[in-house]
Amino acid sequence: MPFTDQEYFEVIEKNEIVKKAFENIKQICIDLQKQTNCPEEDLKDFLEFISKQWNK
């Protein structure tokens, strides 16, 4: 069963490593969107694509 948003936020607040990763990924996405002017949907699709790559 997937985590709820609230559960994710609780983990982010309680775990410094997860919190740092979340903040870094979020800022990278903000910067990428500003630099490329891509729509949010493209960024979401890109993140989904990336998430499939780390097990290869």
PDB file of N, CA and C in Angstrom:
ATOM      1  N   MET A   1       0.844  -1.165   0.000  1.00  0.00           N
ATOM      2  CA  MET A   1       0.000   0.000   0.000  1.00  0.00           C
ATOM      3  C   MET A   1       0.899   1.241   0.000  1.00  0.00           C
ATOM      4  N   PRO A   2       0.644   2.189  -0.899  1.00  0.00           N
ATOM      5  CA  PRO A   2       1.473   3.405  -0.960  1.00  0.00           C
ATOM      6  C   PRO A   2       1.255   4.295   0.260  1.00  0.00           C
ATOM      7  N   PHE A   3       2.258   5.129   0.495  1.00  0.00           N
ATOM      8  CA  PHE A   3       2.155   6.111   1.571  1.00  0.00           C
ATOM      9  C   PHE A   3       1.152   7.196   1.194  1.00  0.00           C
ATOM     10  N   THR A   4       0.498   7.758   2.190  1.00  0.00           N
ATOM     11  CA  THR A   4      -0.327   8.946   1.970  1.00  0.00           C
ATOM     12  C   THR A   4       0.606  10.157   1.982  1.00  0.00           C
ATOM     13  N   ASP A   5       0.110  11.283   1.504  1.00  0.00           N
ATOM     14  CA  ASP A   5       0.906  12.514   1.548  1.00  0.00           C
ATOM     15  C   ASP A   5       1.309  12.830   2.981  1.00  0.00           C
ATOM     16  N   GLN A   6       0.362  12.683   3.905  1.00  0.00           N
ATOM     17  CA  GLN A   6       0.651  12.978   5.310  1.00  0.00           C
ATOM     18  C   GLN A   6       1.776  12.084   5.835  1.00  0.00           C
ATOM     19  N   GLU A   7       1.749  10.808   5.474  1.00  0.00           N
ATOM     20  CA  GLU A   7       2.806   9.890   5.916  1.00  0.00           C
ATOM     21  C   GLU A   7       4.164  10.298   5.338  1.00  0.00           C
ATOM     22  N   TYR A   8       4.167  10.697   4.071  1.00  0.00           N
ATOM     23  CA  TYR A   8       5.426  11.181   3.477  1.00  0.00           C
ATOM     24  C   TYR A   8       5.947  12.396   4.232  1.00  0.00           C
ATOM     25  N   PHE A   9       5.075  13.346   4.518  1.00  0.00           N
ATOM     26  CA  PHE A   9       5.510  14.555   5.223  1.00  0.00           C
ATOM     27  C   PHE A   9       6.025  14.229   6.620  1.00  0.00           C
ATOM     28  N   GLU A  10       5.416  13.263   7.279  1.00  0.00           N
ATOM     29  CA  GLU A  10       5.896  12.853   8.604  1.00  0.00           C
ATOM     30  C   GLU A  10       7.300  12.262   8.513  1.00  0.00           C
ATOM     31  N   VAL A  11       7.537  11.416   7.523  1.00  0.00           N
ATOM     32  CA  VAL A  11       8.867  10.828   7.339  1.00  0.00           C
ATOM     33  C   VAL A  11       9.879  11.917   7.006  1.00  0.00           C
ATOM     34  N   ILE A  12       9.503  12.830   6.133  1.00  0.00           N
ATOM     35  CA  ILE A  12      10.399  13.920   5.740  1.00  0.00           C
ATOM     36  C   ILE A  12      10.803  14.742   6.961  1.00  0.00           C
ATOM     37  N   GLU A  13       9.865  15.019   7.830  1.00  0.00           N
ATOM     38  CA  GLU A  13      10.167  15.822   9.018  1.00  0.00           C
ATOM     39  C   GLU A  13      10.998  15.063  10.045  1.00  0.00           C
ATOM     40  N   LYS A  14      10.852  13.764  10.114  1.00  0.00           N
ATOM     41  CA  LYS A  14      11.523  12.978  11.148  1.00  0.00           C
ATOM     42  C   LYS A  14      12.899  12.465  10.744  1.00  0.00           C
ATOM     43  N   ASN A  15      13.182  12.423   9.439  1.00  0.00           N
ATOM     44  CA  ASN A  15      14.422  11.813   8.970  1.00  0.00           C
ATOM     45  C   ASN A  15      15.224  12.838   8.170  1.00  0.00           C
ATOM     46  N   GLU A  16      16.359  13.250   8.700  1.00  0.00           N
ATOM     47  CA  GLU A  16      17.160  14.308   8.061  1.00  0.00           C
ATOM     48  C   GLU A  16      17.650  13.924   6.668  1.00  0.00           C
ATOM     49  N   ILE A  17      17.999  12.664   6.457  1.00  0.00           N
ATOM     50  CA  ILE A  17      18.476  12.232   5.140  1.00  0.00           C
ATOM     51  C   ILE A  17      17.349  12.349   4.120  1.00  0.00           C
ATOM     52  N   VAL A  18      16.163  11.879   4.493  1.00  0.00           N
ATOM     53  CA  VAL A  18      15.009  11.966   3.598  1.00  0.00           C
ATOM     54  C   VAL A  18      14.633  13.426   3.373  1.00  0.00           C
ATOM     55  N   LYS A  19      14.684  14.224   4.430  1.00  0.00           N
ATOM     56  CA  LYS A  19      14.347  15.645   4.317  1.00  0.00           C
ATOM     57  C   LYS A  19      15.300  16.359   3.361  1.00  0.00           C
ATOM     58  N   LYS A  20      16.582  16.073   3.484  1.00  0.00           N
ATOM     59  CA  LYS A  20      17.570  16.707   2.599  1.00  0.00           C
ATOM     60  C   LYS A  20      17.355  16.272   1.151  1.00  0.00           C
ATOM     61  N   ALA A  21      17.093  14.983   0.938  1.00  0.00           N
ATOM     62  CA  ALA A  21      16.846  14.485  -0.419  1.00  0.00           C
ATOM     63  C   ALA A  21      15.605  15.157  -1.008  1.00  0.00           C
ATOM     64  N   PHE A  22      14.541  15.244  -0.227  1.00  0.00           N
ATOM     65  CA  PHE A  22      13.308  15.889  -0.684  1.00  0.00           C
ATOM     66  C   PHE A  22      13.574  17.338  -1.083  1.00  0.00           C
ATOM     67  N   GLU A  23      14.264  18.071  -0.220  1.00  0.00           N
ATOM     68  CA  GLU A  23      14.547  19.481  -0.505  1.00  0.00           C
ATOM     69  C   GLU A  23      15.428  19.632  -1.743  1.00  0.00           C
ATOM     70  N   ASN A  24      16.434  18.771  -1.890  1.00  0.00           N
ATOM     71  CA  ASN A  24      17.319  18.835  -3.061  1.00  0.00           C
ATOM     72  C   ASN A  24      16.569  18.521  -4.347  1.00  0.00           C
ATOM     73  N   ILE A  25      15.789  17.451  -4.336  1.00  0.00           N
ATOM     74  CA  ILE A  25      15.031  17.067  -5.530  1.00  0.00           C
ATOM     75  C   ILE A  25      14.027  18.150  -5.895  1.00  0.00           C
ATOM     76  N   LYS A  26      13.348  18.682  -4.891  1.00  0.00           N
ATOM     77  CA  LYS A  26      12.369  19.742  -5.129  1.00  0.00           C
ATOM     78  C   LYS A  26      13.032  20.965  -5.769  1.00  0.00           C
ATOM     79  N   GLN A  27      14.194  21.374  -5.239  1.00  0.00           N
ATOM     80  CA  GLN A  27      14.877  22.549  -5.788  1.00  0.00           C
ATOM     81  C   GLN A  27      15.393  22.290  -7.197  1.00  0.00           C
ATOM     82  N   ILE A  28      15.898  21.088  -7.439  1.00  0.00           N
ATOM     83  CA  ILE A  28      16.356  20.741  -8.786  1.00  0.00           C
ATOM     84  C   ILE A  28      15.196  20.828  -9.772  1.00  0.00           C
ATOM     85  N   CYS A  29      14.026  20.337  -9.377  1.00  0.00           N
ATOM     86  CA  CYS A  29      12.855  20.394 -10.254  1.00  0.00           C
ATOM     87  C   CYS A  29      12.416  21.832 -10.509  1.00  0.00           C
ATOM     88  N   ILE A  30      12.435  22.651  -9.477  1.00  0.00           N
ATOM     89  CA  ILE A  30      12.088  24.068  -9.641  1.00  0.00           C
ATOM     90  C   ILE A  30      13.052  24.734 -10.613  1.00  0.00           C
ATOM     91  N   ASP A  31      14.347  24.493 -10.419  1.00  0.00           N
ATOM     92  CA  ASP A  31      15.360  25.088 -11.303  1.00  0.00           C
ATOM     93  C   ASP A  31      15.209  24.586 -12.740  1.00  0.00           C
ATOM     94  N   LEU A  32      14.979  23.297 -12.910  1.00  0.00           N
ATOM     95  CA  LEU A  32      14.823  22.728 -14.246  1.00  0.00           C
ATOM     96  C   LEU A  32      13.620  23.334 -14.957  1.00  0.00           C
ATOM     97  N   GLN A  33      12.527  23.480 -14.234  1.00  0.00           N
ATOM     98  CA  GLN A  33      11.337  24.052 -14.856  1.00  0.00           C
ATOM     99  C   GLN A  33      11.564  25.515 -15.244  1.00  0.00           C
ATOM    100  N   LYS A  34      12.245  26.263 -14.390  1.00  0.00           N
ATOM    101  CA  LYS A  34      12.536  27.663 -14.712  1.00  0.00           C
ATOM    102  C   LYS A  34      13.459  27.771 -15.920  1.00  0.00           C
ATOM    103  N   GLN A  35      14.472  26.922 -15.973  1.00  0.00           N
ATOM    104  CA  GLN A  35      15.464  27.005 -17.045  1.00  0.00           C
ATOM    105  C   GLN A  35      14.941  26.504 -18.390  1.00  0.00           C
ATOM    106  N   THR A  36      14.017  25.555 -18.364  1.00  0.00           N
ATOM    107  CA  THR A  36      13.512  24.988 -19.612  1.00  0.00           C
ATOM    108  C   THR A  36      12.125  25.489 -19.979  1.00  0.00           C
ATOM    109  N   ASN A  37      11.457  26.113 -19.010  1.00  0.00           N
ATOM    110  CA  ASN A  37      10.102  26.606 -19.216  1.00  0.00           C
ATOM    111  C   ASN A  37       9.143  25.482 -19.615  1.00  0.00           C
ATOM    112  N   CYS A  38       9.412  24.276 -19.132  1.00  0.00           N
ATOM    113  CA  CYS A  38       8.562  23.129 -19.475  1.00  0.00           C
ATOM    114  C   CYS A  38       7.316  23.115 -18.582  1.00  0.00           C
ATOM    115  N   PRO A  39       6.254  22.534 -19.094  1.00  0.00           N
ATOM    116  CA  PRO A  39       5.043  22.419 -18.270  1.00  0.00           C
ATOM    117  C   PRO A  39       5.250  21.432 -17.120  1.00  0.00           C
ATOM    118  N   GLU A  40       4.469  21.583 -16.086  1.00  0.00           N
ATOM    119  CA  GLU A  40       4.583  20.694 -14.926  1.00  0.00           C
ATOM    120  C   GLU A  40       4.386  19.236 -15.313  1.00  0.00           C
ATOM    121  N   GLU A  41       3.485  18.978 -16.248  1.00  0.00           N
ATOM    122  CA  GLU A  41       3.226  17.597 -16.673  1.00  0.00           C
ATOM    123  C   GLU A  41       4.489  16.958 -17.253  1.00  0.00           C
ATOM    124  N   ASP A  42       5.266  17.717 -18.028  1.00  0.00           N
ATOM    125  CA  ASP A  42       6.518  17.190 -18.576  1.00  0.00           C
ATOM    126  C   ASP A  42       7.501  16.858 -17.464  1.00  0.00           C
ATOM    127  N   LEU A  43       7.565  17.705 -16.468  1.00  0.00           N
ATOM    128  CA  LEU A  43       8.454  17.472 -15.340  1.00  0.00           C
ATOM    129  C   LEU A  43       8.021  16.224 -14.570  1.00  0.00           C
ATOM    130  N   LYS A  44       6.739  16.075 -14.371  1.00  0.00           N
ATOM    131  CA  LYS A  44       6.203  14.885 -13.700  1.00  0.00           C
ATOM    132  C   LYS A  44       6.556  13.624 -14.493  1.00  0.00           C
ATOM    133  N   ASP A  45       6.362  13.668 -15.799  1.00  0.00           N
ATOM    134  CA  ASP A  45       6.702  12.520 -16.645  1.00  0.00           C
ATOM    135  C   ASP A  45       8.195  12.216 -16.583  1.00  0.00           C
ATOM    136  N   PHE A  46       9.020  13.248 -16.549  1.00  0.00           N
ATOM    137  CA  PHE A  46      10.467  13.075 -16.463  1.00  0.00           C
ATOM    138  C   PHE A  46      10.850  12.402 -15.149  1.00  0.00           C
ATOM    139  N   LEU A  47      10.238  12.825 -14.048  1.00  0.00           N
ATOM    140  CA  LEU A  47      10.515  12.200 -12.749  1.00  0.00           C
ATOM    141  C   LEU A  47      10.086  10.738 -12.734  1.00  0.00           C
ATOM    142  N   GLU A  48       8.958  10.436 -13.349  1.00  0.00           N
ATOM    143  CA  GLU A  48       8.523   9.041 -13.447  1.00  0.00           C
ATOM    144  C   GLU A  48       9.508   8.227 -14.277  1.00  0.00           C
ATOM    145  N   PHE A  49       9.994   8.794 -15.375  1.00  0.00           N
ATOM    146  CA  PHE A  49      10.995   8.127 -16.199  1.00  0.00           C
ATOM    147  C   PHE A  49      12.263   7.849 -15.382  1.00  0.00           C
ATOM    148  N   ILE A  50      12.731   8.847 -14.643  1.00  0.00           N
ATOM    149  CA  ILE A  50      13.926   8.685 -13.833  1.00  0.00           C
ATOM    150  C   ILE A  50      13.717   7.596 -12.774  1.00  0.00           C
ATOM    151  N   SER A  51      12.545   7.561 -12.167  1.00  0.00           N
ATOM    152  CA  SER A  51      12.296   6.584 -11.096  1.00  0.00           C
ATOM    153  C   SER A  51      12.370   5.155 -11.611  1.00  0.00           C
ATOM    154  N   LYS A  52      12.176   4.954 -12.894  1.00  0.00           N
ATOM    155  CA  LYS A  52      12.267   3.602 -13.467  1.00  0.00           C
ATOM    156  C   LYS A  52      13.700   3.221 -13.815  1.00  0.00           C
ATOM    157  N   GLN A  53      14.622   4.165 -13.739  1.00  0.00           N
ATOM    158  CA  GLN A  53      15.981   3.927 -14.217  1.00  0.00           C
ATOM    159  C   GLN A  53      16.956   3.423 -13.167  1.00  0.00           C
ATOM    160  N   TRP A  54      16.720   3.621 -11.885  1.00  0.00           N
ATOM    161  CA  TRP A  54      17.737   3.298 -10.904  1.00  0.00           C
ATOM    162  C   TRP A  54      17.855   1.809 -10.620  1.00  0.00           C
ATOM    163  N   ASN A  55      16.950   0.997 -11.112  1.00  0.00           N
ATOM    164  CA  ASN A  55      17.075  -0.453 -10.933  1.00  0.00           C
ATOM    165  C   ASN A  55      17.669  -1.144 -12.146  1.00  0.00           C
ATOM    166  N   LYS A  56      18.117  -0.389 -13.114  1.00  0.00           N
ATOM    167  CA  LYS A  56      18.672  -0.973 -14.340  1.00  0.00           C
ATOM    168  C   LYS A  56      20.176  -1.012 -14.277  1.00  0.00           C
TER     169      LYS A  56
END
